[in-house]
Amino acid sequence: AHHPEDFLILFGSQAAMDRLAGEHFIRSPRFSLSMRPWSKLAHAGSGEFEYRVELELRGIPAQAWHLST
């Protein structure tokens, strides 16, 4: 499946990226291009899991178990 996030623009500076704050559209007779900040939630969904599983985590540093660290 095609996801628009397959095409990313990497900016050289925060100032350059800030010029594109919000959503922008570029249109021509042959194409239209939508530019907006990337989000890891763009194609996310929510739902309930049907199965319970036991999960074992190994090698996690002790400080990783506390939100303050």
Protein backbone atom coordinates (compact mmCIF):
# COMPACT_ATOMS: atom_id res chain seq x y z
CA ALA A 1 0.00 0.00 0.00
CA HIS A 2 1.12 3.54 -0.66
CA HIS A 3 1.54 5.79 2.32
CA PRO A 4 2.36 9.47 1.83
CA GLU A 5 4.97 9.16 4.56
CA ASP A 6 7.11 7.22 2.09
CA PHE A 7 8.28 10.61 0.85
CA LEU A 8 9.98 12.79 3.44
CA ILE A 9 11.63 16.19 3.13
CA LEU A 10 14.57 16.67 5.48
CA PHE A 11 15.20 20.32 6.30
CA GLY A 12 18.62 21.74 7.00
CA SER A 13 17.34 23.97 9.78
CA GLN A 14 14.38 24.49 12.07
CA ALA A 15 13.80 27.92 10.47
CA ALA A 16 13.38 26.37 7.02
CA MET A 17 10.91 23.84 8.38
CA ASP A 18 8.98 26.53 10.27
CA ARG A 19 8.18 28.24 6.95
CA LEU A 20 5.99 25.24 6.16
CA ALA A 21 4.09 25.28 9.45
CA GLY A 22 0.65 23.75 9.02
CA GLU A 23 -0.59 22.10 5.83
CA HIS A 24 0.36 23.32 2.36
CA PHE A 25 -0.84 22.22 -1.05
CA ILE A 26 0.99 22.52 -4.35
CA ARG A 27 -1.22 22.05 -7.40
CA SER A 28 -0.46 21.79 -11.09
CA PRO A 29 -2.40 20.39 -14.06
CA ARG A 30 -0.50 17.09 -13.71
CA PHE A 31 -0.36 16.55 -9.94
CA SER A 32 -1.19 17.85 -6.50
CA LEU A 33 1.15 17.63 -3.55
CA SER A 34 0.11 17.91 0.07
CA MET A 35 2.85 18.92 2.50
CA ARG A 36 2.36 18.67 6.25
CA PRO A 37 4.45 17.71 9.27
CA TRP A 38 5.06 13.98 9.64
CA SER A 39 3.17 12.15 12.35
CA LYS A 40 3.73 8.61 13.54
CA LEU A 41 -0.04 8.45 14.11
CA ALA A 42 -0.97 9.20 10.48
CA HIS A 43 -2.24 5.67 9.77
CA ALA A 44 -2.76 4.58 13.34
CA GLY A 45 -5.88 2.89 14.51
CA SER A 46 -7.31 1.81 17.80
CA GLY A 47 -9.07 -1.28 18.93
CA GLU A 48 -9.12 -4.03 21.46
CA PHE A 49 -6.80 -6.99 21.42
CA GLU A 50 -8.55 -10.33 21.34
CA TYR A 51 -5.79 -12.40 22.92
CA ARG A 52 -3.80 -12.10 26.11
CA VAL A 53 -0.14 -13.02 26.01
CA GLU A 54 2.65 -13.17 28.54
CA LEU A 55 5.39 -10.69 27.73
CA GLU A 56 8.89 -10.97 29.16
CA LEU A 57 11.28 -8.04 28.85
CA ARG A 58 15.00 -8.69 29.30
CA GLY A 59 17.94 -6.35 29.42
CA ILE A 60 15.94 -3.26 30.35
CA PRO A 61 18.07 -0.94 32.52
CA ALA A 62 16.61 -0.34 36.00
CA GLN A 63 16.23 3.41 35.36
CA ALA A 64 14.00 2.71 32.35
CA TRP A 65 11.22 1.53 34.64
CA HIS A 66 10.68 5.03 36.06
CA LEU A 67 8.97 7.84 34.12
CA SER A 68 11.25 10.41 35.74
CA THR A 69 14.29 8.97 33.95
